[in-house]
PDB file of N, CA and C in Angstrom:
ATOM      1  N   MET A   1      -6.357   8.130 -17.043  1.00  0.00           N
ATOM      2  CA  MET A   1      -5.026   7.770 -16.621  1.00  0.00           C
ATOM      3  C   MET A   1      -4.203   7.276 -17.820  1.00  0.00           C
ATOM      4  N   ASP A   2      -4.840   6.538 -18.718  1.00  0.00           N
ATOM      5  CA  ASP A   2      -4.106   6.023 -19.873  1.00  0.00           C
ATOM      6  C   ASP A   2      -3.623   7.149 -20.780  1.00  0.00           C
ATOM      7  N   GLU A   3      -4.405   8.219 -20.884  1.00  0.00           N
ATOM      8  CA  GLU A   3      -4.030   9.325 -21.763  1.00  0.00           C
ATOM      9  C   GLU A   3      -2.924  10.186 -21.162  1.00  0.00           C
ATOM     10  N   ILE A   4      -3.050  10.524 -19.896  1.00  0.00           N
ATOM     11  CA  ILE A   4      -2.074  11.408 -19.245  1.00  0.00           C
ATOM     12  C   ILE A   4      -0.838  10.650 -18.792  1.00  0.00           C
ATOM     13  N   ARG A   5      -1.009   9.423 -18.315  1.00  0.00           N
ATOM     14  CA  ARG A   5       0.066   8.572 -17.812  1.00  0.00           C
ATOM     15  C   ARG A   5       0.926   9.271 -16.758  1.00  0.00           C
ATOM     16  N   PRO A   6       0.324   9.652 -15.630  1.00  0.00           N
ATOM     17  CA  PRO A   6       1.091  10.331 -14.583  1.00  0.00           C
ATOM     18  C   PRO A   6       2.014   9.362 -13.835  1.00  0.00           C
ATOM     19  N   ASP A   7       3.069   9.901 -13.256  1.00  0.00           N
ATOM     20  CA  ASP A   7       3.944   9.088 -12.405  1.00  0.00           C
ATOM     21  C   ASP A   7       3.224   8.740 -11.107  1.00  0.00           C
ATOM     22  N   ALA A   8       2.514   9.730 -10.551  1.00  0.00           N
ATOM     23  CA  ALA A   8       1.784   9.519  -9.303  1.00  0.00           C
ATOM     24  C   ALA A   8       0.620  10.503  -9.214  1.00  0.00           C
ATOM     25  N   VAL A   9      -0.455  10.075  -8.567  1.00  0.00           N
ATOM     26  CA  VAL A   9      -1.606  10.931  -8.283  1.00  0.00           C
ATOM     27  C   VAL A   9      -1.973  10.678  -6.829  1.00  0.00           C
ATOM     28  N   ILE A  10      -2.033  11.742  -6.031  1.00  0.00           N
ATOM     29  CA  ILE A  10      -2.343  11.638  -4.610  1.00  0.00           C
ATOM     30  C   ILE A  10      -3.546  12.525  -4.302  1.00  0.00           C
ATOM     31  N   CYS A  11      -4.455  12.042  -3.486  1.00  0.00           N
ATOM     32  CA  CYS A  11      -5.646  12.815  -3.128  1.00  0.00           C
ATOM     33  C   CYS A  11      -5.889  12.700  -1.623  1.00  0.00           C
ATOM     34  N   ALA A  12      -6.099  13.838  -0.974  1.00  0.00           N
ATOM     35  CA  ALA A  12      -6.462  13.858   0.441  1.00  0.00           C
ATOM     36  C   ALA A  12      -7.948  13.554   0.546  1.00  0.00           C
ATOM     37  N   GLY A  13      -8.282  12.320   0.851  1.00  0.00           N
ATOM     38  CA  GLY A  13      -9.671  11.885   0.860  1.00  0.00           C
ATOM     39  C   GLY A  13     -10.512  12.477   1.970  1.00  0.00           C
ATOM     40  N   TYR A  14      -9.901  12.833   3.089  1.00  0.00           N
ATOM     41  CA  TYR A  14     -10.684  13.358   4.197  1.00  0.00           C
ATOM     42  C   TYR A  14     -11.262  14.728   3.885  1.00  0.00           C
ATOM     43  N   LYS A  15     -10.669  15.461   2.978  1.00  0.00           N
ATOM     44  CA  LYS A  15     -11.146  16.808   2.687  1.00  0.00           C
ATOM     45  C   LYS A  15     -11.962  16.844   1.399  1.00  0.00           C
ATOM     46  N   TRP A  16     -11.400  16.390   0.317  1.00  0.00           N
ATOM     47  CA  TRP A  16     -12.034  16.539  -0.998  1.00  0.00           C
ATOM     48  C   TRP A  16     -13.016  15.422  -1.323  1.00  0.00           C
ATOM     49  N   LEU A  17     -12.886  14.280  -0.682  1.00  0.00           N
ATOM     50  CA  LEU A  17     -13.802  13.173  -0.948  1.00  0.00           C
ATOM     51  C   LEU A  17     -14.746  12.915   0.226  1.00  0.00           C
ATOM     52  N   PHE A  18     -14.734  13.800   1.222  1.00  0.00           N
ATOM     53  CA  PHE A  18     -15.594  13.711   2.402  1.00  0.00           C
ATOM     54  C   PHE A  18     -15.425  12.395   3.147  1.00  0.00           C
ATOM     55  N   GLY A  19     -14.208  11.889   3.191  1.00  0.00           N
ATOM     56  CA  GLY A  19     -13.916  10.666   3.932  1.00  0.00           C
ATOM     57  C   GLY A  19     -13.480  10.983   5.348  1.00  0.00           C
ATOM     58  N   PRO A  20     -13.159   9.963   6.138  1.00  0.00           N
ATOM     59  CA  PRO A  20     -12.698  10.205   7.505  1.00  0.00           C
ATOM     60  C   PRO A  20     -11.331  10.890   7.525  1.00  0.00           C
ATOM     61  N   TYR A  21     -11.061  11.591   8.603  1.00  0.00           N
ATOM     62  CA  TYR A  21      -9.793  12.300   8.743  1.00  0.00           C
ATOM     63  C   TYR A  21      -8.627  11.321   8.627  1.00  0.00           C
ATOM     64  N   SER A  22      -7.601  11.715   7.962  1.00  0.00           N
ATOM     65  CA  SER A  22      -6.347  10.994   7.712  1.00  0.00           C
ATOM     66  C   SER A  22      -6.416  10.043   6.523  1.00  0.00           C
ATOM     67  N   LEU A  23      -7.547   9.970   5.819  1.00  0.00           N
ATOM     68  CA  LEU A  23      -7.664   9.108   4.649  1.00  0.00           C
ATOM     69  C   LEU A  23      -7.045   9.779   3.435  1.00  0.00           C
ATOM     70  N   SER A  24      -6.215   9.047   2.731  1.00  0.00           N
ATOM     71  CA  SER A  24      -5.684   9.545   1.466  1.00  0.00           C
ATOM     72  C   SER A  24      -5.606   8.383   0.490  1.00  0.00           C
ATOM     73  N   LEU A  25      -5.637   8.715  -0.778  1.00  0.00           N
ATOM     74  CA  LEU A  25      -5.581   7.711  -1.832  1.00  0.00           C
ATOM     75  C   LEU A  25      -4.409   8.035  -2.740  1.00  0.00           C
ATOM     76  N   GLY A  26      -3.792   7.006  -3.264  1.00  0.00           N
ATOM     77  CA  GLY A  26      -2.663   7.241  -4.152  1.00  0.00           C
ATOM     78  C   GLY A  26      -2.639   6.258  -5.306  1.00  0.00           C
ATOM     79  N   TYR A  27      -2.220   6.750  -6.437  1.00  0.00           N
ATOM     80  CA  TYR A  27      -1.979   5.912  -7.621  1.00  0.00           C
ATOM     81  C   TYR A  27      -0.529   6.132  -8.008  1.00  0.00           C
ATOM     82  N   PHE A  28       0.191   5.054  -8.230  1.00  0.00           N
ATOM     83  CA  PHE A  28       1.584   5.150  -8.633  1.00  0.00           C
ATOM     84  C   PHE A  28       1.793   4.349  -9.905  1.00  0.00           C
ATOM     85  N   GLY A  29       2.531   4.911 -10.836  1.00  0.00           N
ATOM     86  CA  GLY A  29       2.801   4.265 -12.111  1.00  0.00           C
ATOM     87  C   GLY A  29       3.594   2.981 -11.950  1.00  0.00           C
ATOM     88  N   ALA A  30       3.582   2.167 -12.978  1.00  0.00           N
ATOM     89  CA  ALA A  30       4.231   0.852 -12.946  1.00  0.00           C
ATOM     90  C   ALA A  30       5.726   0.943 -12.680  1.00  0.00           C
ATOM     91  N   GLN A  31       6.366   2.067 -12.983  1.00  0.00           N
ATOM     92  CA  GLN A  31       7.808   2.188 -12.772  1.00  0.00           C
ATOM     93  C   GLN A  31       8.182   2.124 -11.289  1.00  0.00           C
ATOM     94  N   TYR A  32       7.210   2.288 -10.387  1.00  0.00           N
ATOM     95  CA  TYR A  32       7.489   2.234  -8.953  1.00  0.00           C
ATOM     96  C   TYR A  32       7.313   0.837  -8.369  1.00  0.00           C
ATOM     97  N   GLU A  33       6.737  -0.079  -9.112  1.00  0.00           N
ATOM     98  CA  GLU A  33       6.368  -1.373  -8.558  1.00  0.00           C
ATOM     99  C   GLU A  33       7.553  -2.182  -8.030  1.00  0.00           C
ATOM    100  N   GLY A  34       8.668  -2.179  -8.667  1.00  0.00           N
ATOM    101  CA  GLY A  34       9.805  -2.973  -8.220  1.00  0.00           C
ATOM    102  C   GLY A  34      10.701  -2.279  -7.216  1.00  0.00           C
ATOM    103  N   ARG A  35      10.349  -1.099  -6.779  1.00  0.00           N
ATOM    104  CA  ARG A  35      11.186  -0.322  -5.851  1.00  0.00           C
ATOM    105  C   ARG A  35      11.133  -0.867  -4.430  1.00  0.00           C
ATOM    106  N   VAL A  36      12.108  -0.459  -3.652  1.00  0.00           N
ATOM    107  CA  VAL A  36      12.183  -0.860  -2.248  1.00  0.00           C
ATOM    108  C   VAL A  36      11.363   0.124  -1.411  1.00  0.00           C
ATOM    109  N   PRO A  37      10.503  -0.368  -0.524  1.00  0.00           N
ATOM    110  CA  PRO A  37       9.700   0.540   0.301  1.00  0.00           C
ATOM    111  C   PRO A  37      10.553   1.329   1.293  1.00  0.00           C
ATOM    112  N   ILE A  38      10.066   2.493   1.679  1.00  0.00           N
ATOM    113  CA  ILE A  38      10.754   3.317   2.661  1.00  0.00           C
ATOM    114  C   ILE A  38      10.598   2.722   4.049  1.00  0.00           C
ATOM    115  N   GLU A  39       9.412   2.252   4.344  1.00  0.00           N
ATOM    116  CA  GLU A  39       9.099   1.712   5.667  1.00  0.00           C
ATOM    117  C   GLU A  39       8.990   0.200   5.574  1.00  0.00           C
ATOM    118  N   HIS A  40       9.636  -0.496   6.489  1.00  0.00           N
ATOM    119  CA  HIS A  40       9.603  -1.964   6.513  1.00  0.00           C
ATOM    120  C   HIS A  40       8.876  -2.405   7.780  1.00  0.00           C
ATOM    121  N   HIS A  41       7.761  -3.099   7.643  1.00  0.00           N
ATOM    122  CA  HIS A  41       6.961  -3.533   8.787  1.00  0.00           C
ATOM    123  C   HIS A  41       6.257  -4.833   8.446  1.00  0.00           C
ATOM    124  N   TRP A  42       5.625  -5.439   9.437  1.00  0.00           N
ATOM    125  CA  TRP A  42       5.042  -6.762   9.267  1.00  0.00           C
ATOM    126  C   TRP A  42       3.864  -6.788   8.304  1.00  0.00           C
ATOM    127  N   LEU A  43       3.082  -5.710   8.209  1.00  0.00           N
ATOM    128  CA  LEU A  43       1.885  -5.719   7.380  1.00  0.00           C
ATOM    129  C   LEU A  43       2.188  -5.855   5.890  1.00  0.00           C
ATOM    130  N   SER A  44       3.336  -5.388   5.463  1.00  0.00           N
ATOM    131  CA  SER A  44       3.667  -5.459   4.039  1.00  0.00           C
ATOM    132  C   SER A  44       4.418  -6.737   3.667  1.00  0.00           C
ATOM    133  N   ARG A  45       4.584  -7.654   4.600  1.00  0.00           N
ATOM    134  CA  ARG A  45       5.281  -8.922   4.335  1.00  0.00           C
ATOM    135  C   ARG A  45       4.309  -9.986   3.828  1.00  0.00           C
ATOM    136  N   ILE A  46       4.844 -10.927   3.070  1.00  0.00           N
ATOM    137  CA  ILE A  46       3.991 -12.009   2.571  1.00  0.00           C
ATOM    138  C   ILE A  46       3.415 -12.800   3.748  1.00  0.00           C
ATOM    139  N   HIS A  47       2.225 -13.295   3.589  1.00  0.00           N
ATOM    140  CA  HIS A  47       1.496 -14.102   4.573  1.00  0.00           C
ATOM    141  C   HIS A  47       1.193 -13.352   5.867  1.00  0.00           C
ATOM    142  N   SER A  48       1.248 -12.019   5.863  1.00  0.00           N
ATOM    143  CA  SER A  48       0.951 -11.276   7.090  1.00  0.00           C
ATOM    144  C   SER A  48      -0.533 -11.304   7.433  1.00  0.00           C
ATOM    145  N   ASP A  49      -1.382 -11.711   6.488  1.00  0.00           N
ATOM    146  CA  ASP A  49      -2.807 -11.817   6.775  1.00  0.00           C
ATOM    147  C   ASP A  49      -3.158 -13.148   7.453  1.00  0.00           C
ATOM    148  N   ASP A  50      -2.180 -14.030   7.587  1.00  0.00           N
ATOM    149  CA  ASP A  50      -2.357 -15.313   8.279  1.00  0.00           C
ATOM    150  C   ASP A  50      -1.966 -15.116   9.742  1.00  0.00           C
ATOM    151  N   PHE A  51      -2.918 -14.641  10.548  1.00  0.00           N
ATOM    152  CA  PHE A  51      -2.618 -14.269  11.930  1.00  0.00           C
ATOM    153  C   PHE A  51      -2.193 -15.449  12.802  1.00  0.00           C
ATOM    154  N   ALA A  52      -2.565 -16.654  12.430  1.00  0.00           N
ATOM    155  CA  ALA A  52      -2.171 -17.825  13.219  1.00  0.00           C
ATOM    156  C   ALA A  52      -0.669 -18.083  13.115  1.00  0.00           C
ATOM    157  N   ASN A  53      -0.041 -17.570  12.070  1.00  0.00           N
ATOM    158  CA  ASN A  53       1.391 -17.818  11.863  1.00  0.00           C
ATOM    159  C   ASN A  53       2.233 -16.543  11.874  1.00  0.00           C
ATOM    160  N   LEU A  54       1.793 -15.520  12.586  1.00  0.00           N
ATOM    161  CA  LEU A  54       2.560 -14.278  12.606  1.00  0.00           C
ATOM    162  C   LEU A  54       3.928 -14.431  13.249  1.00  0.00           C
ATOM    163  N   THR A  55       4.088 -15.444  14.080  1.00  0.00           N
ATOM    164  CA  THR A  55       5.409 -15.654  14.690  1.00  0.00           C
ATOM    165  C   THR A  55       6.409 -16.215  13.681  1.00  0.00           C
ATOM    166  N   ASN A  56       5.923 -16.734  12.561  1.00  0.00           N
ATOM    167  CA  ASN A  56       6.798 -17.198  11.475  1.00  0.00           C
ATOM    168  C   ASN A  56       7.041 -16.028  10.532  1.00  0.00           C
ATOM    169  N   TYR A  57       7.771 -15.044  11.018  1.00  0.00           N
ATOM    170  CA  TYR A  57       7.978 -13.795  10.291  1.00  0.00           C
ATOM    171  C   TYR A  57       8.666 -14.029   8.960  1.00  0.00           C
ATOM    172  N   GLN A  58       8.156 -13.374   7.922  1.00  0.00           N
ATOM    173  CA  GLN A  58       8.719 -13.458   6.580  1.00  0.00           C
ATOM    174  C   GLN A  58       9.453 -12.160   6.250  1.00  0.00           C
ATOM    175  N   SER A  59      10.579 -12.254   5.618  1.00  0.00           N
ATOM    176  CA  SER A  59      11.330 -11.046   5.267  1.00  0.00           C
ATOM    177  C   SER A  59      10.996 -10.546   3.865  1.00  0.00           C
ATOM    178  N   GLU A  60      10.295 -11.342   3.088  1.00  0.00           N
ATOM    179  CA  GLU A  60       9.944 -10.953   1.718  1.00  0.00           C
ATOM    180  C   GLU A  60       8.696 -10.078   1.704  1.00  0.00           C
ATOM    181  N   SER A  61       8.738  -9.014   0.913  1.00  0.00           N
ATOM    182  CA  SER A  61       7.584  -8.107   0.804  1.00  0.00           C
ATOM    183  C   SER A  61       6.494  -8.724  -0.065  1.00  0.00           C
ATOM    184  N   ARG A  62       5.267  -8.245   0.124  1.00  0.00           N
ATOM    185  CA  ARG A  62       4.153  -8.680  -0.716  1.00  0.00           C
ATOM    186  C   ARG A  62       4.391  -8.201  -2.149  1.00  0.00           C
ATOM    187  N   PRO A  63       3.850  -8.890  -3.115  1.00  0.00           N
ATOM    188  CA  PRO A  63       3.996  -8.428  -4.504  1.00  0.00           C
ATOM    189  C   PRO A  63       3.141  -7.194  -4.767  1.00  0.00           C
ATOM    190  N   GLY A  64       3.509  -6.433  -5.752  1.00  0.00           N
ATOM    191  CA  GLY A  64       2.722  -5.269  -6.142  1.00  0.00           C
ATOM    192  C   GLY A  64       2.923  -4.091  -5.215  1.00  0.00           C
ATOM    193  N   MET A  65       1.952  -3.181  -5.245  1.00  0.00           N
ATOM    194  CA  MET A  65       2.067  -1.933  -4.500  1.00  0.00           C
ATOM    195  C   MET A  65       1.724  -2.064  -3.022  1.00  0.00           C
ATOM    196  N   VAL A  66       1.209  -3.206  -2.595  1.00  0.00           N
ATOM    197  CA  VAL A  66       0.885  -3.405  -1.181  1.00  0.00           C
ATOM    198  C   VAL A  66       2.132  -3.227  -0.320  1.00  0.00           C
ATOM    199  N   ARG A  67       3.295  -3.458  -0.879  1.00  0.00           N
ATOM    200  CA  ARG A  67       4.545  -3.313  -0.123  1.00  0.00           C
ATOM    201  C   ARG A  67       4.768  -1.884   0.358  1.00  0.00           C
ATOM    202  N   PHE A  68       4.066  -0.917  -0.201  1.00  0.00           N
ATOM    203  CA  PHE A  68       4.251   0.485   0.179  1.00  0.00           C
ATOM    204  C   PHE A  68       3.246   0.980   1.214  1.00  0.00           C
ATOM    205  N   LEU A  69       2.356   0.102   1.715  1.00  0.00           N
ATOM    206  CA  LEU A  69       1.406   0.519   2.737  1.00  0.00           C
ATOM    207  C   LEU A  69       2.141   0.914   4.009  1.00  0.00           C
ATOM    208  N   LEU A  70       1.572   1.852   4.748  1.00  0.00           N
ATOM    209  CA  LEU A  70       2.160   2.280   6.013  1.00  0.00           C
ATOM    210  C   LEU A  70       1.832   1.293   7.114  1.00  0.00           C
ATOM    211  N   GLY A  71       2.671   1.245   8.112  1.00  0.00           N
ATOM    212  CA  GLY A  71       2.490   0.319   9.215  1.00  0.00           C
ATOM    213  C   GLY A  71       1.312   0.609  10.109  1.00  0.00           C
ATOM    214  N   VAL A  72       0.672   1.759   9.970  1.00  0.00           N
ATOM    215  CA  VAL A  72      -0.447   2.115  10.822  1.00  0.00           C
ATOM    216  C   VAL A  72      -1.761   1.561  10.307  1.00  0.00           C
ATOM    217  N   LEU A  73      -1.776   0.982   9.132  1.00  0.00           N
ATOM    218  CA  LEU A  73      -3.015   0.469   8.554  1.00  0.00           C
ATOM    219  C   LEU A  73      -3.344  -0.892   9.160  1.00  0.00           C
ATOM    220  N   SER A  74      -4.606  -1.115   9.422  1.00  0.00           N
ATOM    221  CA  SER A  74      -5.017  -2.412   9.962  1.00  0.00           C
ATOM    222  C   SER A  74      -5.775  -3.215   8.907  1.00  0.00           C
ATOM    223  N   GLU A  75      -6.091  -2.611   7.780  1.00  0.00           N
ATOM    224  CA  GLU A  75      -6.847  -3.288   6.740  1.00  0.00           C
ATOM    225  C   GLU A  75      -6.365  -2.774   5.393  1.00  0.00           C
ATOM    226  N   TYR A  76      -6.327  -3.590   4.391  1.00  0.00           N
ATOM    227  CA  TYR A  76      -5.907  -3.164   3.080  1.00  0.00           C
ATOM    228  C   TYR A  76      -6.687  -3.912   2.021  1.00  0.00           C
ATOM    229  N   LYS A  77      -6.754  -3.337   0.852  1.00  0.00           N
ATOM    230  CA  LYS A  77      -7.403  -3.973  -0.291  1.00  0.00           C
ATOM    231  C   LYS A  77      -6.516  -3.726  -1.503  1.00  0.00           C
ATOM    232  N   THR A  78      -6.461  -4.675  -2.388  1.00  0.00           N
ATOM    233  CA  THR A  78      -5.685  -4.511  -3.609  1.00  0.00           C
ATOM    234  C   THR A  78      -6.588  -4.693  -4.810  1.00  0.00           C
ATOM    235  N   ALA A  79      -6.254  -4.040  -5.870  1.00  0.00           N
ATOM    236  CA  ALA A  79      -7.012  -4.198  -7.115  1.00  0.00           C
ATOM    237  C   ALA A  79      -6.632  -5.516  -7.758  1.00  0.00           C
ATOM    238  N   ALA A  80      -7.589  -6.204  -8.288  1.00  0.00           N
ATOM    239  CA  ALA A  80      -7.326  -7.497  -8.927  1.00  0.00           C
ATOM    240  C   ALA A  80      -6.824  -7.293 -10.335  1.00  0.00           C
TER     241      ALA A  80
END
């Protein structure tokens, strides 16, 4: 990745990586990090993993690329 420096790399994981149907993986370059997400939903908001306080809705997005996750996901992981 350091040598090629692509803007984005997308892979259909359900077919080429033998994962479950509908799984896909994506890598996006740093130039996309500060962009506004297309979809706005509760999962990409700060403190959305604190289920006891979901009624205290936050309008601020999570830092990093987590803000671009789709609303259909129930679990997410971020690289440290």
